[in-house]
């Protein structure tokens, strides 16, 4: 998972900028794609909700952590 995240984290600013430009465009291929596909608000809401849920779960279960000890 770490390798996957590190491979894509460098692309994130460019992808976000492209999405912001496409959202602001009325015409052109990017604007047409946004018009046809839609769902940007839903996608962003689901992303925010999943990040918030992960944070809540992490905070609620942090007290369950313990030292790692060898078995045996």
PDB file of N, CA and C in Angstrom:
ATOM      1  N   UNK A   1       0.820  -1.179   0.000  1.00  0.00           N
ATOM      2  CA  UNK A   1       0.000   0.000   0.000  1.00  0.00           C
ATOM      3  C   UNK A   1       0.871   1.252   0.000  1.00  0.00           C
ATOM      4  N   UNK A   2       1.944   1.223   0.763  1.00  0.00           N
ATOM      5  CA  UNK A   2       2.833   2.381   0.828  1.00  0.00           C
ATOM      6  C   UNK A   2       3.423   2.692  -0.539  1.00  0.00           C
ATOM      7  N   UNK A   3       3.829   1.660  -1.252  1.00  0.00           N
ATOM      8  CA  UNK A   3       4.394   1.864  -2.589  1.00  0.00           C
ATOM      9  C   UNK A   3       3.346   2.481  -3.509  1.00  0.00           C
ATOM     10  N   UNK A   4       2.120   2.000  -3.426  1.00  0.00           N
ATOM     11  CA  UNK A   4       1.035   2.536  -4.257  1.00  0.00           C
ATOM     12  C   UNK A   4       0.802   4.016  -3.951  1.00  0.00           C
ATOM     13  N   UNK A   5       0.708   4.350  -2.672  1.00  0.00           N
ATOM     14  CA  UNK A   5       0.473   5.742  -2.281  1.00  0.00           C
ATOM     15  C   UNK A   5       1.621   6.633  -2.738  1.00  0.00           C
ATOM     16  N   UNK A   6       2.846   6.192  -2.506  1.00  0.00           N
ATOM     17  CA  UNK A   6       4.004   6.995  -2.911  1.00  0.00           C
ATOM     18  C   UNK A   6       4.105   7.144  -4.428  1.00  0.00           C
ATOM     19  N   UNK A   7       3.640   6.148  -5.153  1.00  0.00           N
ATOM     20  CA  UNK A   7       3.682   6.233  -6.616  1.00  0.00           C
ATOM     21  C   UNK A   7       2.699   7.275  -7.140  1.00  0.00           C
ATOM     22  N   UNK A   8       1.585   7.455  -6.468  1.00  0.00           N
ATOM     23  CA  UNK A   8       0.543   8.361  -6.960  1.00  0.00           C
ATOM     24  C   UNK A   8       0.516   9.722  -6.281  1.00  0.00           C
ATOM     25  N   UNK A   9       1.130   9.877  -5.130  1.00  0.00           N
ATOM     26  CA  UNK A   9       1.055  11.139  -4.399  1.00  0.00           C
ATOM     27  C   UNK A   9       1.676  12.288  -5.195  1.00  0.00           C
ATOM     28  N   UNK A  10       2.659  11.991  -6.025  1.00  0.00           N
ATOM     29  CA  UNK A  10       3.315  13.035  -6.819  1.00  0.00           C
ATOM     30  C   UNK A  10       2.401  13.528  -7.942  1.00  0.00           C
ATOM     31  N   UNK A  11       1.469  12.701  -8.361  1.00  0.00           N
ATOM     32  CA  UNK A  11       0.538  13.079  -9.431  1.00  0.00           C
ATOM     33  C   UNK A  11      -0.657  13.868  -8.902  1.00  0.00           C
ATOM     34  N   UNK A  12      -0.887  13.822  -7.614  1.00  0.00           N
ATOM     35  CA  UNK A  12      -2.083  14.420  -7.023  1.00  0.00           C
ATOM     36  C   UNK A  12      -2.250  15.907  -7.325  1.00  0.00           C
ATOM     37  N   UNK A  13      -1.234  16.763  -7.135  1.00  0.00           N
ATOM     38  CA  UNK A  13      -1.445  18.182  -7.439  1.00  0.00           C
ATOM     39  C   UNK A  13      -1.846  18.427  -8.896  1.00  0.00           C
ATOM     40  N   UNK A  14      -1.234  17.693  -9.819  1.00  0.00           N
ATOM     41  CA  UNK A  14      -1.564  17.859 -11.236  1.00  0.00           C
ATOM     42  C   UNK A  14      -2.990  17.389 -11.522  1.00  0.00           C
ATOM     43  N   UNK A  15      -3.397  16.279 -10.919  1.00  0.00           N
ATOM     44  CA  UNK A  15      -4.750  15.770 -11.125  1.00  0.00           C
ATOM     45  C   UNK A  15      -5.797  16.710 -10.540  1.00  0.00           C
ATOM     46  N   UNK A  16      -5.524  17.242  -9.348  1.00  0.00           N
ATOM     47  CA  UNK A  16      -6.467  18.175  -8.731  1.00  0.00           C
ATOM     48  C   UNK A  16      -6.580  19.467  -9.535  1.00  0.00           C
ATOM     49  N   UNK A  17      -5.452  19.954 -10.045  1.00  0.00           N
ATOM     50  CA  UNK A  17      -5.477  21.167 -10.862  1.00  0.00           C
ATOM     51  C   UNK A  17      -6.260  20.927 -12.147  1.00  0.00           C
ATOM     52  N   UNK A  18      -6.094  19.770 -12.763  1.00  0.00           N
ATOM     53  CA  UNK A  18      -6.822  19.453 -13.990  1.00  0.00           C
ATOM     54  C   UNK A  18      -8.315  19.361 -13.716  1.00  0.00           C
ATOM     55  N   UNK A  19      -8.693  18.785 -12.588  1.00  0.00           N
ATOM     56  CA  UNK A  19     -10.116  18.695 -12.248  1.00  0.00           C
ATOM     57  C   UNK A  19     -10.698  20.075 -11.974  1.00  0.00           C
ATOM     58  N   UNK A  20      -9.939  20.927 -11.297  1.00  0.00           N
ATOM     59  CA  UNK A  20     -10.415  22.287 -11.015  1.00  0.00           C
ATOM     60  C   UNK A  20     -10.590  23.073 -12.311  1.00  0.00           C
ATOM     61  N   UNK A  21      -9.641  22.920 -13.244  1.00  0.00           N
ATOM     62  CA  UNK A  21      -9.764  23.600 -14.544  1.00  0.00           C
ATOM     63  C   UNK A  21     -10.973  23.085 -15.302  1.00  0.00           C
ATOM     64  N   UNK A  22     -11.189  21.781 -15.288  1.00  0.00           N
ATOM     65  CA  UNK A  22     -12.318  21.190 -16.011  1.00  0.00           C
ATOM     66  C   UNK A  22     -13.646  21.644 -15.413  1.00  0.00           C
ATOM     67  N   UNK A  23     -13.685  21.790 -14.093  1.00  0.00           N
ATOM     68  CA  UNK A  23     -14.919  22.226 -13.438  1.00  0.00           C
ATOM     69  C   UNK A  23     -15.242  23.669 -13.797  1.00  0.00           C
ATOM     70  N   UNK A  24     -14.226  24.466 -14.051  1.00  0.00           N
ATOM     71  CA  UNK A  24     -14.441  25.867 -14.379  1.00  0.00           C
ATOM     72  C   UNK A  24     -14.694  26.126 -15.848  1.00  0.00           C
ATOM     73  N   UNK A  25     -14.508  25.107 -16.678  1.00  0.00           N
ATOM     74  CA  UNK A  25     -14.676  25.283 -18.123  1.00  0.00           C
ATOM     75  C   UNK A  25     -16.132  25.058 -18.515  1.00  0.00           C
ATOM     76  N   UNK A  26     -16.648  25.945 -19.346  1.00  0.00           N
ATOM     77  CA  UNK A  26     -17.995  25.765 -19.853  1.00  0.00           C
ATOM     78  C   UNK A  26     -17.990  24.906 -21.111  1.00  0.00           C
ATOM     79  N   UNK A  27     -16.955  25.041 -21.910  1.00  0.00           N
ATOM     80  CA  UNK A  27     -16.888  24.297 -23.168  1.00  0.00           C
ATOM     81  C   UNK A  27     -15.625  23.487 -23.243  1.00  0.00           C
ATOM     82  N   UNK A  28     -15.359  22.975 -24.418  1.00  0.00           N
ATOM     83  CA  UNK A  28     -14.155  22.179 -24.611  1.00  0.00           C
ATOM     84  C   UNK A  28     -14.364  20.744 -24.193  1.00  0.00           C
ATOM     85  N   UNK A  29     -13.420  19.883 -24.520  1.00  0.00           N
ATOM     86  CA  UNK A  29     -13.565  18.463 -24.209  1.00  0.00           C
ATOM     87  C   UNK A  29     -13.631  18.177 -22.712  1.00  0.00           C
ATOM     88  N   UNK A  30     -12.831  18.893 -21.911  1.00  0.00           N
ATOM     89  CA  UNK A  30     -12.845  18.639 -20.461  1.00  0.00           C
ATOM     90  C   UNK A  30     -14.181  19.058 -19.857  1.00  0.00           C
ATOM     91  N   UNK A  31     -14.686  20.208 -20.283  1.00  0.00           N
ATOM     92  CA  UNK A  31     -15.984  20.659 -19.788  1.00  0.00           C
ATOM     93  C   UNK A  31     -17.100  19.722 -20.208  1.00  0.00           C
ATOM     94  N   UNK A  32     -17.013  19.202 -21.432  1.00  0.00           N
ATOM     95  CA  UNK A  32     -18.019  18.251 -21.925  1.00  0.00           C
ATOM     96  C   UNK A  32     -17.956  16.953 -21.124  1.00  0.00           C
ATOM     97  N   UNK A  33     -16.753  16.497 -20.804  1.00  0.00           N
ATOM     98  CA  UNK A  33     -16.614  15.275 -20.013  1.00  0.00           C
ATOM     99  C   UNK A  33     -17.236  15.460 -18.636  1.00  0.00           C
ATOM    100  N   UNK A  34     -17.007  16.609 -18.017  1.00  0.00           N
ATOM    101  CA  UNK A  34     -17.600  16.879 -16.701  1.00  0.00           C
ATOM    102  C   UNK A  34     -19.123  16.907 -16.796  1.00  0.00           C
ATOM    103  N   UNK A  35     -19.622  17.442 -17.895  1.00  0.00           N
ATOM    104  CA  UNK A  35     -21.061  17.535 -18.098  1.00  0.00           C
ATOM    105  C   UNK A  35     -21.675  16.146 -18.253  1.00  0.00           C
ATOM    106  N   UNK A  36     -21.015  15.287 -19.015  1.00  0.00           N
ATOM    107  CA  UNK A  36     -21.535  13.948 -19.276  1.00  0.00           C
ATOM    108  C   UNK A  36     -21.392  13.050 -18.052  1.00  0.00           C
ATOM    109  N   UNK A  37     -20.229  13.061 -17.433  1.00  0.00           N
ATOM    110  CA  UNK A  37     -19.974  12.170 -16.309  1.00  0.00           C
ATOM    111  C   UNK A  37     -20.634  12.650 -15.030  1.00  0.00           C
ATOM    112  N   UNK A  38     -20.501  13.917 -14.735  1.00  0.00           N
ATOM    113  CA  UNK A  38     -21.114  14.476 -13.534  1.00  0.00           C
ATOM    114  C   UNK A  38     -20.657  13.767 -12.270  1.00  0.00           C
ATOM    115  N   UNK A  39     -21.388  13.945 -11.210  1.00  0.00           N
ATOM    116  CA  UNK A  39     -21.102  13.251  -9.966  1.00  0.00           C
ATOM    117  C   UNK A  39     -19.919  13.783  -9.196  1.00  0.00           C
ATOM    118  N   UNK A  40     -19.399  14.945  -9.567  1.00  0.00           N
ATOM    119  CA  UNK A  40     -18.214  15.475  -8.884  1.00  0.00           C
ATOM    120  C   UNK A  40     -18.514  15.727  -7.412  1.00  0.00           C
ATOM    121  N   UNK A  41     -19.648  16.346  -7.135  1.00  0.00           N
ATOM    122  CA  UNK A  41     -20.011  16.630  -5.747  1.00  0.00           C
ATOM    123  C   UNK A  41     -20.175  15.375  -4.920  1.00  0.00           C
ATOM    124  N   UNK A  42     -20.827  14.382  -5.494  1.00  0.00           N
ATOM    125  CA  UNK A  42     -21.008  13.100  -4.798  1.00  0.00           C
ATOM    126  C   UNK A  42     -19.671  12.436  -4.535  1.00  0.00           C
ATOM    127  N   UNK A  43     -18.810  12.449  -5.541  1.00  0.00           N
ATOM    128  CA  UNK A  43     -17.481  11.827  -5.398  1.00  0.00           C
ATOM    129  C   UNK A  43     -16.679  12.510  -4.297  1.00  0.00           C
ATOM    130  N   UNK A  44     -16.694  13.834  -4.275  1.00  0.00           N
ATOM    131  CA  UNK A  44     -15.947  14.560  -3.244  1.00  0.00           C
ATOM    132  C   UNK A  44     -16.557  14.356  -1.861  1.00  0.00           C
ATOM    133  N   UNK A  45     -17.898  14.298  -1.782  1.00  0.00           N
ATOM    134  CA  UNK A  45     -18.561  14.053  -0.494  1.00  0.00           C
ATOM    135  C   UNK A  45     -18.218  12.663   0.041  1.00  0.00           C
ATOM    136  N   UNK A  46     -18.212  11.662  -0.834  1.00  0.00           N
ATOM    137  CA  UNK A  46     -17.848  10.307  -0.404  1.00  0.00           C
ATOM    138  C   UNK A  46     -16.393  10.221   0.031  1.00  0.00           C
ATOM    139  N   UNK A  47     -15.526  10.929  -0.678  1.00  0.00           N
ATOM    140  CA  UNK A  47     -14.116  10.964  -0.294  1.00  0.00           C
ATOM    141  C   UNK A  47     -13.949  11.579   1.093  1.00  0.00           C
ATOM    142  N   UNK A  48     -14.585  12.727   1.314  1.00  0.00           N
ATOM    143  CA  UNK A  48     -14.495  13.396   2.615  1.00  0.00           C
ATOM    144  C   UNK A  48     -15.077  12.516   3.718  1.00  0.00           C
ATOM    145  N   UNK A  49     -16.213  11.866   3.445  1.00  0.00           N
ATOM    146  CA  UNK A  49     -16.846  11.003   4.447  1.00  0.00           C
ATOM    147  C   UNK A  49     -15.957   9.809   4.791  1.00  0.00           C
ATOM    148  N   UNK A  50     -15.301   9.215   3.794  1.00  0.00           N
ATOM    149  CA  UNK A  50     -14.452   8.062   4.076  1.00  0.00           C
ATOM    150  C   UNK A  50     -13.208   8.466   4.859  1.00  0.00           C
ATOM    151  N   UNK A  51     -12.648   9.636   4.544  1.00  0.00           N
ATOM    152  CA  UNK A  51     -11.492  10.117   5.313  1.00  0.00           C
ATOM    153  C   UNK A  51     -11.888  10.426   6.754  1.00  0.00           C
ATOM    154  N   UNK A  52     -13.037  11.044   6.936  1.00  0.00           N
ATOM    155  CA  UNK A  52     -13.519  11.344   8.283  1.00  0.00           C
ATOM    156  C   UNK A  52     -13.809  10.063   9.060  1.00  0.00           C
ATOM    157  N   UNK A  53     -14.427   9.084   8.410  1.00  0.00           N
ATOM    158  CA  UNK A  53     -14.715   7.810   9.078  1.00  0.00           C
ATOM    159  C   UNK A  53     -13.411   7.114   9.488  1.00  0.00           C
ATOM    160  N   UNK A  54     -12.409   7.149   8.631  1.00  0.00           N
ATOM    161  CA  UNK A  54     -11.121   6.552   8.977  1.00  0.00           C
ATOM    162  C   UNK A  54     -10.475   7.229  10.170  1.00  0.00           C
ATOM    163  N   UNK A  55     -10.576   8.556  10.207  1.00  0.00           N
ATOM    164  CA  UNK A  55     -10.025   9.298  11.336  1.00  0.00           C
ATOM    165  C   UNK A  55     -10.764   8.966  12.625  1.00  0.00           C
ATOM    166  N   UNK A  56     -12.080   8.892  12.572  1.00  0.00           N
ATOM    167  CA  UNK A  56     -12.877   8.559  13.762  1.00  0.00           C
ATOM    168  C   UNK A  56     -12.533   7.156  14.250  1.00  0.00           C
ATOM    169  N   UNK A  57     -12.451   6.202  13.344  1.00  0.00           N
ATOM    170  CA  UNK A  57     -12.110   4.831  13.737  1.00  0.00           C
ATOM    171  C   UNK A  57     -10.719   4.781  14.358  1.00  0.00           C
ATOM    172  N   UNK A  58      -9.773   5.506  13.766  1.00  0.00           N
ATOM    173  CA  UNK A  58      -8.416   5.531  14.317  1.00  0.00           C
ATOM    174  C   UNK A  58      -8.414   6.114  15.723  1.00  0.00           C
ATOM    175  N   UNK A  59      -9.141   7.202  15.923  1.00  0.00           N
ATOM    176  CA  UNK A  59      -9.168   7.829  17.249  1.00  0.00           C
ATOM    177  C   UNK A  59      -9.875   6.954  18.282  1.00  0.00           C
ATOM    178  N   UNK A  60     -10.922   6.247  17.863  1.00  0.00           N
ATOM    179  CA  UNK A  60     -11.656   5.398  18.797  1.00  0.00           C
ATOM    180  C   UNK A  60     -10.914   4.114  19.162  1.00  0.00           C
ATOM    181  N   UNK A  61      -9.965   3.696  18.337  1.00  0.00           N
ATOM    182  CA  UNK A  61      -9.275   2.428  18.590  1.00  0.00           C
ATOM    183  C   UNK A  61      -7.801   2.593  18.967  1.00  0.00           C
ATOM    184  N   UNK A  62      -7.320   3.813  19.076  1.00  0.00           N
ATOM    185  CA  UNK A  62      -5.906   4.013  19.389  1.00  0.00           C
ATOM    186  C   UNK A  62      -5.550   3.458  20.774  1.00  0.00           C
ATOM    187  N   UNK A  63      -6.501   3.430  21.675  1.00  0.00           N
ATOM    188  CA  UNK A  63      -6.223   2.905  23.019  1.00  0.00           C
ATOM    189  C   UNK A  63      -6.013   1.390  23.017  1.00  0.00           C
ATOM    190  N   UNK A  64      -6.370   0.709  21.951  1.00  0.00           N
ATOM    191  CA  UNK A  64      -6.223  -0.745  21.866  1.00  0.00           C
ATOM    192  C   UNK A  64      -4.824  -1.169  21.434  1.00  0.00           C
ATOM    193  N   UNK A  65      -3.982  -0.217  21.072  1.00  0.00           N
ATOM    194  CA  UNK A  65      -2.654  -0.576  20.602  1.00  0.00           C
ATOM    195  C   UNK A  65      -1.774  -1.012  21.758  1.00  0.00           C
ATOM    196  N   UNK A  66      -0.794  -1.791  21.460  1.00  0.00           N
ATOM    197  CA  UNK A  66       0.136  -2.264  22.475  1.00  0.00           C
ATOM    198  C   UNK A  66       1.513  -2.475  21.869  1.00  0.00           C
ATOM    199  N   UNK A  67       2.440  -2.884  22.702  1.00  0.00           N
ATOM    200  CA  UNK A  67       3.788  -3.153  22.213  1.00  0.00           C
ATOM    201  C   UNK A  67       3.794  -4.431  21.401  1.00  0.00           C
ATOM    202  N   UNK A  68       4.642  -4.446  20.391  1.00  0.00           N
ATOM    203  CA  UNK A  68       4.827  -5.661  19.619  1.00  0.00           C
ATOM    204  C   UNK A  68       5.893  -6.486  20.314  1.00  0.00           C
ATOM    205  N   UNK A  69       5.548  -7.714  20.645  1.00  0.00           N
ATOM    206  CA  UNK A  69       6.479  -8.590  21.319  1.00  0.00           C
ATOM    207  C   UNK A  69       6.571  -9.901  20.572  1.00  0.00           C
ATOM    208  N   UNK A  70       7.734 -10.495  20.546  1.00  0.00           N
ATOM    209  CA  UNK A  70       7.856 -11.780  19.869  1.00  0.00           C
ATOM    210  C   UNK A  70       7.048 -12.868  20.580  1.00  0.00           C
ATOM    211  N   UNK A  71       6.500 -13.765  19.779  1.00  0.00           N
ATOM    212  CA  UNK A  71       5.725 -14.866  20.330  1.00  0.00           C
ATOM    213  C   UNK A  71       6.675 -16.035  20.585  1.00  0.00           C
ATOM    214  N   UNK A  72       6.553 -16.622  21.744  1.00  0.00           N
ATOM    215  CA  UNK A  72       7.342 -17.815  21.984  1.00  0.00           C
ATOM    216  C   UNK A  72       8.221 -17.783  23.135  1.00  0.00           C
TER     217      UNK A  72
END
